[in-house]
Protein backbone atom coordinates (compact mmCIF):
# COMPACT_ATOMS: atom_id res chain seq x y z
CA MET A 1 0.20 -0.31 0.23
CA PRO A 2 2.80 2.23 0.29
CA GLN A 3 3.51 2.63 -3.10
CA VAL A 4 0.14 4.02 -3.84
CA SER A 5 0.48 6.44 -1.16
CA ILE A 6 2.94 7.73 -2.56
CA GLY A 7 1.78 7.41 -5.92
CA GLN A 8 -1.67 9.57 -4.56
CA GLN A 9 0.72 11.72 -3.67
CA VAL A 10 2.23 12.41 -6.91
CA VAL A 11 -1.25 12.60 -8.60
CA SER A 12 -2.28 15.21 -6.17
CA ALA A 13 0.90 17.49 -6.59
CA LEU A 14 0.46 17.23 -10.36
CA ASN A 15 -3.25 18.03 -9.60
CA LEU A 16 -4.02 14.81 -12.13
CA THR A 17 -7.85 14.27 -12.29
CA ASN A 18 -8.03 11.56 -14.71
CA ILE A 19 -5.64 9.08 -12.61
CA ARG A 20 -6.96 6.45 -10.17
CA LEU A 21 -5.07 4.59 -8.19
CA ASP A 22 -7.04 1.66 -6.28
CA VAL A 23 -6.14 -1.58 -3.79
CA GLY A 24 -8.30 -4.53 -3.42
CA ASP A 25 -8.51 -7.58 -4.24
CA ILE A 26 -8.67 -8.43 -7.37
CA LEU A 27 -11.56 -11.49 -7.10
CA GLU A 28 -13.62 -9.22 -5.19
CA LEU A 29 -13.55 -6.45 -8.32
CA GLN A 30 -16.60 -6.02 -10.45
CA ALA A 31 -16.53 -4.10 -13.92
CA ALA A 32 -19.71 -3.00 -13.09
CA ASP A 33 -17.89 -0.86 -10.06
CA ILE A 34 -15.40 0.39 -11.77
CA GLY A 35 -16.28 1.65 -14.92
CA GLN A 36 -13.96 1.63 -18.29
CA PHE A 37 -10.79 2.92 -18.47
CA ASP A 38 -8.39 4.06 -21.48
CA TYR A 39 -5.47 2.60 -19.65
CA ILE A 40 -5.07 -0.35 -17.22
CA ILE A 41 -1.74 -1.26 -15.65
CA ALA A 42 -1.37 -4.68 -13.77
CA HIS A 43 2.38 -4.60 -13.01
CA GLY A 44 4.15 -7.26 -10.77
CA VAL A 45 0.87 -9.36 -10.18
CA TYR A 46 0.20 -12.03 -12.79
CA SER A 47 3.51 -13.60 -12.53
CA TRP A 48 3.02 -15.04 -8.85
CA VAL A 49 -0.91 -15.43 -8.51
CA PRO A 50 -2.79 -18.47 -9.08
CA MET A 51 -4.78 -19.50 -11.91
CA VAL A 52 -7.75 -18.26 -10.66
CA VAL A 53 -6.71 -14.31 -9.98
CA ARG A 54 -5.04 -14.61 -13.60
CA GLU A 55 -8.16 -15.34 -15.32
CA LYS A 56 -9.57 -12.54 -13.47
CA ILE A 57 -7.33 -10.12 -14.63
CA LEU A 58 -7.63 -10.95 -18.00
CA GLN A 59 -11.92 -10.91 -17.39
CA LEU A 60 -11.14 -7.38 -15.69
CA ALA A 61 -8.97 -5.93 -18.78
CA ARG A 62 -11.49 -7.33 -21.58
CA ASP A 63 -14.33 -5.60 -19.67
CA CYS A 64 -13.49 -2.44 -18.35
CA LEU A 65 -11.38 -1.13 -21.45
CA THR A 66 -12.59 1.42 -23.58
CA PRO A 67 -12.58 0.41 -27.20
CA ASN A 68 -9.53 1.76 -28.01
CA GLY A 69 -8.17 1.04 -24.84
CA LEU A 70 -4.81 -0.63 -24.03
CA ALA A 71 -3.63 -2.96 -20.96
CA TYR A 72 -0.39 -3.48 -19.33
CA ILE A 73 -0.15 -6.77 -18.05
CA SER A 74 3.32 -7.75 -17.06
CA TYR A 75 4.85 -10.78 -16.89
CA ASN A 76 8.47 -11.92 -15.28
CA LEU A 77 10.27 -14.71 -17.44
CA LEU A 78 13.44 -16.15 -19.01
CA PRO A 79 15.19 -14.91 -20.75
CA GLY A 80 13.86 -11.68 -19.31
CA TRP A 81 14.25 -12.19 -15.94
CA ARG A 82 17.25 -13.92 -15.74
CA MET A 83 19.67 -11.10 -15.32
CA ARG A 84 18.11 -9.91 -12.30
CA GLY A 85 17.80 -13.23 -10.87
CA SER A 86 21.60 -13.95 -11.41
CA LEU A 87 22.28 -10.82 -9.73
CA ARG A 88 19.81 -11.78 -7.32
CA ASP A 89 21.89 -15.03 -6.74
CA LEU A 90 25.31 -13.88 -6.60
CA LEU A 91 24.09 -10.75 -3.88
CA LEU A 92 22.70 -13.63 -1.38
CA HIS A 93 26.12 -15.96 -2.33
CA ALA A 94 28.14 -12.94 -1.46
CA THR A 95 26.55 -11.98 1.35
CA ARG A 96 25.92 -15.10 3.40
CA ASP A 97 28.37 -14.42 5.90
CA VAL A 98 26.81 -11.18 6.77
CA LEU A 99 23.18 -12.68 7.21
CA VAL A 100 24.81 -15.14 9.70
CA LEU A 101 26.56 -12.72 11.83
CA LYS A 102 23.69 -10.74 11.73
CA ARG A 103 21.72 -13.82 12.79
CA ASN A 104 24.80 -14.43 15.71
CA THR A 105 24.41 -10.71 16.85
CA ALA A 106 21.07 -10.92 17.25
CA ARG A 107 20.50 -14.12 19.61
CA ARG A 108 23.53 -12.38 21.97
């Protein structure tokens, strides 16, 4: 939710009246309740949610886009994610001793 709060601050500071940021359970959203949009962005969700939620995201995109609307639904996959995943693995390996020291210090 902090991301939405930050986004709301930006929207307010720029006096943008045609932008809406929401937080909620995707499965509880109903197209009739939220209306239609020119742009729908679902970033960082589709990759890690169960199939039922993925289907709901696609249904909402279909039902809530204006006729010329555009939906952006990101999905993490290889090879595009491979570089970041490799970097993550490298950093975890390089800092493994730091994590052990931190745990030992916390026990004292």
